[in-house]
Amino acid sequence: MQNNYNPGQIVYVIYRNPHTQDVANIQEAAVVHSPEHPNQLALFLYETYYPISEELAIFQSKEEAEQAYGEAFGFADIEEYYG
């Protein structure tokens, strides 16, 4: 999975609020080398490093993330929420 990303690349993730699980939004994240495992990539989001895994909803473009968000949460026009 990590072969699809390059350090410095900007990606978009659907991120659930850890304090309120029924709240999710699209966030921009940077692909970086993991500080704990320099030969592995991680996402840098909200001042935290997240290992890249199959469990993360990572998208190459904001449009792809918006489409998946709309499908998952039932919003027909995502622009109303992120316009």
Protein backbone atom coordinates (compact mmCIF):
# COMPACT_ATOMS: atom_id res chain seq x y z
CA MET A 1 0.00 0.00 0.00
CA GLN A 2 2.79 2.46 0.85
CA ASN A 3 4.18 2.18 -2.68
CA ASN A 4 1.30 4.38 -3.86
CA TYR A 5 2.57 7.39 -1.89
CA ASN A 6 5.65 9.59 -1.89
CA PRO A 7 7.09 11.70 0.93
CA GLY A 8 5.83 15.26 0.61
CA GLN A 9 2.67 14.22 -1.22
CA ILE A 10 -0.59 15.79 -0.06
CA VAL A 11 -3.54 13.41 0.28
CA TYR A 12 -7.04 13.67 1.70
CA VAL A 13 -8.50 11.49 4.43
CA ILE A 14 -11.92 11.05 5.92
CA TYR A 15 -11.16 11.65 9.57
CA ARG A 16 -13.47 10.80 12.44
CA ASN A 17 -13.33 13.01 15.49
CA PRO A 18 -11.84 10.80 18.24
CA HIS A 19 -14.02 12.51 20.85
CA THR A 20 -17.28 12.37 18.87
CA GLN A 21 -17.34 9.30 16.63
CA ASP A 22 -20.44 10.39 14.74
CA VAL A 23 -18.59 13.45 13.40
CA ALA A 24 -16.33 13.02 10.36
CA ASN A 25 -14.78 15.41 7.89
CA ILE A 26 -12.29 15.55 5.06
CA GLN A 27 -8.81 16.64 6.06
CA GLU A 28 -5.67 17.32 4.09
CA ALA A 29 -2.67 15.30 5.28
CA ALA A 30 0.98 15.05 4.28
CA VAL A 31 2.77 11.81 3.50
CA VAL A 32 6.02 11.75 5.48
CA HIS A 33 8.66 9.33 6.72
CA SER A 34 7.62 7.91 10.07
CA PRO A 35 9.78 9.34 12.86
CA GLU A 36 9.70 5.98 14.66
CA HIS A 37 10.32 3.86 11.53
CA PRO A 38 12.22 5.99 8.96
CA ASN A 39 11.90 3.31 6.25
CA GLN A 40 8.07 3.47 6.50
CA LEU A 41 5.65 6.18 5.46
CA ALA A 42 3.07 7.83 7.68
CA LEU A 43 0.42 10.52 7.45
CA PHE A 44 1.00 13.75 9.33
CA LEU A 45 -2.37 15.08 10.44
CA TYR A 46 -3.25 17.34 13.38
CA GLU A 47 0.36 17.35 14.62
CA THR A 48 0.26 13.53 14.85
CA TYR A 49 1.84 10.77 12.78
CA TYR A 50 -0.48 7.95 11.65
CA PRO A 51 0.95 4.78 10.09
CA ILE A 52 -0.45 4.28 6.60
CA SER A 53 -2.70 1.24 6.69
CA GLU A 54 -5.69 -0.30 4.92
CA GLU A 55 -7.87 1.03 7.77
CA LEU A 56 -7.41 4.64 6.67
CA ALA A 57 -9.63 6.17 4.01
CA ILE A 58 -6.92 7.92 1.94
CA PHE A 59 -7.65 9.65 -1.37
CA GLN A 60 -5.38 11.18 -4.00
CA SER A 61 -7.68 14.16 -4.58
CA LYS A 62 -10.17 16.21 -2.64
CA GLU A 63 -12.83 15.36 -5.23
CA GLU A 64 -12.37 11.62 -4.65
CA ALA A 65 -12.61 12.16 -0.88
CA GLU A 66 -15.75 14.28 -1.28
CA GLN A 67 -17.42 11.63 -3.44
CA ALA A 68 -16.62 8.85 -0.93
CA TYR A 69 -17.75 11.06 1.94
CA GLY A 70 -21.04 11.75 0.20
CA GLU A 71 -21.59 8.05 -0.49
CA ALA A 72 -20.73 7.03 3.07
CA PHE A 73 -22.74 9.72 4.82
CA GLY A 74 -25.54 10.21 2.32
CA PHE A 75 -24.92 13.81 1.31
CA ALA A 76 -25.93 14.26 -2.30
CA ASP A 77 -24.11 17.57 -2.72
CA ILE A 78 -20.94 17.64 -0.63
CA GLU A 79 -20.26 21.23 -1.71
CA GLU A 80 -23.01 22.31 0.67
CA TYR A 81 -20.82 21.10 3.52
CA TYR A 82 -17.35 21.94 2.22
CA GLY A 83 -18.17 24.65 -0.33
